[in-house]
C-alpha atoms as a PDB file:
ATOM      1  CA  UNK A   1      10.838  11.532   2.420  1.00  0.00           C
ATOM      2  CA  UNK A   2       9.764   7.983   3.221  1.00  0.00           C
ATOM      3  CA  UNK A   3      11.181   6.224   0.170  1.00  0.00           C
ATOM      4  CA  UNK A   4      12.085   6.804  -3.439  1.00  0.00           C
ATOM      5  CA  UNK A   5      10.654   5.507  -6.686  1.00  0.00           C
ATOM      6  CA  UNK A   6      14.024   5.384  -8.407  1.00  0.00           C
ATOM      7  CA  UNK A   7      14.927   6.176 -11.983  1.00  0.00           C
ATOM      8  CA  UNK A   8      12.339   4.134 -13.852  1.00  0.00           C
ATOM      9  CA  UNK A   9      12.281   4.265 -17.609  1.00  0.00           C
ATOM     10  CA  UNK A  10       8.921   4.661 -19.319  1.00  0.00           C
ATOM     11  CA  UNK A  11       9.179   1.013 -20.407  1.00  0.00           C
ATOM     12  CA  UNK A  12       9.791  -0.163 -16.824  1.00  0.00           C
ATOM     13  CA  UNK A  13       6.826   1.868 -15.602  1.00  0.00           C
ATOM     14  CA  UNK A  14       4.534   0.494 -18.316  1.00  0.00           C
ATOM     15  CA  UNK A  15       5.670  -3.070 -17.615  1.00  0.00           C
ATOM     16  CA  UNK A  16       4.864  -2.769 -13.885  1.00  0.00           C
ATOM     17  CA  UNK A  17       1.612  -0.912 -14.551  1.00  0.00           C
ATOM     18  CA  UNK A  18       0.520  -3.623 -16.994  1.00  0.00           C
ATOM     19  CA  UNK A  19       1.271  -6.326 -14.428  1.00  0.00           C
ATOM     20  CA  UNK A  20      -0.720  -4.582 -11.709  1.00  0.00           C
ATOM     21  CA  UNK A  21      -3.611  -3.965 -14.094  1.00  0.00           C
ATOM     22  CA  UNK A  22      -3.635  -7.640 -15.126  1.00  0.00           C
ATOM     23  CA  UNK A  23      -3.781  -8.605 -11.421  1.00  0.00           C
ATOM     24  CA  UNK A  24      -6.395  -6.064 -10.358  1.00  0.00           C
ATOM     25  CA  UNK A  25      -8.141  -8.753  -8.331  1.00  0.00           C
ATOM     26  CA  UNK A  26      -5.157  -8.732  -5.919  1.00  0.00           C
ATOM     27  CA  UNK A  27      -3.751  -5.194  -6.153  1.00  0.00           C
ATOM     28  CA  UNK A  28      -6.030  -2.275  -5.378  1.00  0.00           C
ATOM     29  CA  UNK A  29      -4.446   1.168  -5.653  1.00  0.00           C
ATOM     30  CA  UNK A  30      -6.344   4.249  -4.503  1.00  0.00           C
ATOM     31  CA  UNK A  31      -5.271   7.674  -5.758  1.00  0.00           C
ATOM     32  CA  UNK A  32      -6.708  11.045  -4.762  1.00  0.00           C
ATOM     33  CA  UNK A  33      -5.989  13.665  -7.395  1.00  0.00           C
ATOM     34  CA  UNK A  34      -6.345  17.410  -7.212  1.00  0.00           C
ATOM     35  CA  UNK A  35      -7.697  17.721 -10.744  1.00  0.00           C
ATOM     36  CA  UNK A  36      -7.421  21.521 -10.724  1.00  0.00           C
ATOM     37  CA  UNK A  37      -3.661  21.283 -10.218  1.00  0.00           C
ATOM     38  CA  UNK A  38      -3.074  17.874 -11.864  1.00  0.00           C
ATOM     39  CA  UNK A  39      -1.348  16.773  -8.663  1.00  0.00           C
ATOM     40  CA  UNK A  40      -1.620  13.562  -6.666  1.00  0.00           C
ATOM     41  CA  UNK A  41      -2.777  14.523  -3.175  1.00  0.00           C
ATOM     42  CA  UNK A  42      -2.772  11.049  -1.623  1.00  0.00           C
ATOM     43  CA  UNK A  43      -2.479   7.369  -2.419  1.00  0.00           C
ATOM     44  CA  UNK A  44      -2.387   3.895  -0.936  1.00  0.00           C
ATOM     45  CA  UNK A  45      -2.494   0.226  -1.865  1.00  0.00           C
ATOM     46  CA  UNK A  46      -4.024  -2.933  -0.491  1.00  0.00           C
ATOM     47  CA  UNK A  47      -2.591  -6.225  -1.679  1.00  0.00           C
ATOM     48  CA  UNK A  48      -4.752  -9.307  -1.102  1.00  0.00           C
ATOM     49  CA  UNK A  49      -2.681 -12.353  -0.147  1.00  0.00           C
ATOM     50  CA  UNK A  50      -4.078 -15.851  -0.578  1.00  0.00           C
ATOM     51  CA  UNK A  51      -3.392 -18.136   2.409  1.00  0.00           C
ATOM     52  CA  UNK A  52      -3.830 -21.805   3.225  1.00  0.00           C
ATOM     53  CA  UNK A  53      -4.573 -20.992   6.872  1.00  0.00           C
ATOM     54  CA  UNK A  54      -8.012 -19.836   7.974  1.00  0.00           C
ATOM     55  CA  UNK A  55      -9.671 -22.087   5.385  1.00  0.00           C
ATOM     56  CA  UNK A  56      -7.786 -20.618   2.428  1.00  0.00           C
ATOM     57  CA  UNK A  57      -8.346 -17.167   3.888  1.00  0.00           C
ATOM     58  CA  UNK A  58      -7.385 -13.816   2.452  1.00  0.00           C
ATOM     59  CA  UNK A  59      -5.217 -11.205   4.175  1.00  0.00           C
ATOM     60  CA  UNK A  60      -5.111  -7.581   3.114  1.00  0.00           C
ATOM     61  CA  UNK A  61      -1.738  -5.835   3.293  1.00  0.00           C
ATOM     62  CA  UNK A  62      -1.946  -2.042   3.285  1.00  0.00           C
ATOM     63  CA  UNK A  63       1.126  -0.441   1.756  1.00  0.00           C
ATOM     64  CA  UNK A  64       2.469   2.831   0.382  1.00  0.00           C
ATOM     65  CA  UNK A  65       0.197   5.247   2.219  1.00  0.00           C
ATOM     66  CA  UNK A  66       1.175   8.794   1.325  1.00  0.00           C
ATOM     67  CA  UNK A  67      -0.312  12.268   1.475  1.00  0.00           C
ATOM     68  CA  UNK A  68       1.397  15.119  -0.356  1.00  0.00           C
ATOM     69  CA  UNK A  69       2.687  17.699   2.128  1.00  0.00           C
ATOM     70  CA  UNK A  70       0.460  20.398   0.611  1.00  0.00           C
ATOM     71  CA  UNK A  71      -2.656  18.331   1.453  1.00  0.00           C
ATOM     72  CA  UNK A  72      -1.878  17.147   4.984  1.00  0.00           C
ATOM     73  CA  UNK A  73      -4.442  17.974   7.645  1.00  0.00           C
ATOM     74  CA  UNK A  74      -7.373  17.444   5.261  1.00  0.00           C
ATOM     75  CA  UNK A  75      -8.029  13.837   6.407  1.00  0.00           C
ATOM     76  CA  UNK A  76      -7.101  12.451   2.993  1.00  0.00           C
ATOM     77  CA  UNK A  77      -4.898   9.784   4.603  1.00  0.00           C
ATOM     78  CA  UNK A  78      -7.841   8.621   6.664  1.00  0.00           C
ATOM     79  CA  UNK A  79     -10.019   8.591   3.554  1.00  0.00           C
ATOM     80  CA  UNK A  80      -7.468   6.404   1.746  1.00  0.00           C
ATOM     81  CA  UNK A  81      -7.216   4.022   4.727  1.00  0.00           C
ATOM     82  CA  UNK A  82     -10.999   3.763   5.119  1.00  0.00           C
ATOM     83  CA  UNK A  83     -11.362   3.028   1.402  1.00  0.00           C
ATOM     84  CA  UNK A  84      -8.679   0.334   1.529  1.00  0.00           C
ATOM     85  CA  UNK A  85     -10.297  -1.213   4.629  1.00  0.00           C
ATOM     86  CA  UNK A  86     -13.608  -1.321   2.753  1.00  0.00           C
ATOM     87  CA  UNK A  87     -11.952  -3.038  -0.227  1.00  0.00           C
ATOM     88  CA  UNK A  88     -10.366  -5.574   2.124  1.00  0.00           C
ATOM     89  CA  UNK A  89     -13.701  -6.296   3.737  1.00  0.00           C
ATOM     90  CA  UNK A  90     -15.533  -6.578   0.414  1.00  0.00           C
ATOM     91  CA  UNK A  91     -12.899  -8.945  -1.041  1.00  0.00           C
ATOM     92  CA  UNK A  92     -13.345 -11.240   1.964  1.00  0.00           C
ATOM     93  CA  UNK A  93     -10.147 -10.606   3.926  1.00  0.00           C
ATOM     94  CA  UNK A  94     -10.265 -12.054   7.433  1.00  0.00           C
ATOM     95  CA  UNK A  95      -7.741  -9.437   8.573  1.00  0.00           C
ATOM     96  CA  UNK A  96      -5.960  -6.374   7.262  1.00  0.00           C
ATOM     97  CA  UNK A  97      -2.424  -5.604   8.362  1.00  0.00           C
ATOM     98  CA  UNK A  98       0.148  -2.882   7.822  1.00  0.00           C
ATOM     99  CA  UNK A  99       3.583  -1.835   9.007  1.00  0.00           C
ATOM    100  CA  UNK A 100       4.341   1.685  10.145  1.00  0.00           C
ATOM    101  CA  UNK A 101       6.854   3.757  12.051  1.00  0.00           C
ATOM    102  CA  UNK A 102       6.321   4.485  15.754  1.00  0.00           C
ATOM    103  CA  UNK A 103       5.344   8.084  14.999  1.00  0.00           C
ATOM    104  CA  UNK A 104       2.447   6.904  12.789  1.00  0.00           C
ATOM    105  CA  UNK A 105       0.944   4.488  15.346  1.00  0.00           C
ATOM    106  CA  UNK A 106      -1.535   7.077  16.735  1.00  0.00           C
ATOM    107  CA  UNK A 107      -2.839   7.809  13.226  1.00  0.00           C
ATOM    108  CA  UNK A 108      -3.463   4.138  12.464  1.00  0.00           C
ATOM    109  CA  UNK A 109      -5.046   3.587  15.883  1.00  0.00           C
ATOM    110  CA  UNK A 110      -7.516   6.376  15.011  1.00  0.00           C
ATOM    111  CA  UNK A 111      -8.265   4.366  11.859  1.00  0.00           C
ATOM    112  CA  UNK A 112      -9.154   1.289  13.953  1.00  0.00           C
ATOM    113  CA  UNK A 113      -5.856  -0.624  13.875  1.00  0.00           C
ATOM    114  CA  UNK A 114      -4.224  -2.123  16.964  1.00  0.00           C
ATOM    115  CA  UNK A 115      -0.529  -2.560  17.579  1.00  0.00           C
ATOM    116  CA  UNK A 116       0.381  -6.248  17.531  1.00  0.00           C
ATOM    117  CA  UNK A 117       3.706  -8.053  17.456  1.00  0.00           C
ATOM    118  CA  UNK A 118       6.787  -6.645  15.725  1.00  0.00           C
ATOM    119  CA  UNK A 119       7.925  -6.064  12.164  1.00  0.00           C
ATOM    120  CA  UNK A 120      11.127  -7.668  10.918  1.00  0.00           C
ATOM    121  CA  UNK A 121      12.900  -6.851   7.660  1.00  0.00           C
ATOM    122  CA  UNK A 122      15.801  -8.178   5.600  1.00  0.00           C
ATOM    123  CA  UNK A 123      17.030  -5.886   2.852  1.00  0.00           C
ATOM    124  CA  UNK A 124      18.735  -7.546  -0.107  1.00  0.00           C
ATOM    125  CA  UNK A 125      21.707  -5.546  -1.408  1.00  0.00           C
ATOM    126  CA  UNK A 126      21.155  -4.250  -4.932  1.00  0.00           C
ATOM    127  CA  UNK A 127      24.601  -5.388  -5.968  1.00  0.00           C
ATOM    128  CA  UNK A 128      24.148  -9.039  -5.006  1.00  0.00           C
ATOM    129  CA  UNK A 129      24.269 -10.009  -8.681  1.00  0.00           C
ATOM    130  CA  UNK A 130      20.877 -11.752  -8.703  1.00  0.00           C
ATOM    131  CA  UNK A 131      18.097 -10.143 -10.712  1.00  0.00           C
ATOM    132  CA  UNK A 132      15.183 -12.573 -10.734  1.00  0.00           C
ATOM    133  CA  UNK A 133      12.178 -11.452 -12.699  1.00  0.00           C
ATOM    134  CA  UNK A 134       8.745 -12.686 -11.677  1.00  0.00           C
END
């Protein structure tokens, strides 16, 4: 398992969903559903960041790429990535970036990405007492 969703209440889910829907010019979420089984087979997101550099350019950030284990090997991950790349291009992004583990580098290279630089991360402890709400 890559990550967890956590124990979201229905209200928390609806609040986040409403935010993303209201900002659908910046958040693009692709979902592939197996409608016969009512199961999500794959998903991914591209977030469009507004920059001052590159003449107020736009950068696409691909996140949360996942394919359900029952659907791996069907090229659904590639389909999600290609769709997100298309969205990035059509929204005017001058580049599209993503972070991945070493084991996933060959997959993303097949999708046209090149390894560049290094990812850094700082995790904020959940018990730090600060709960800002944007």
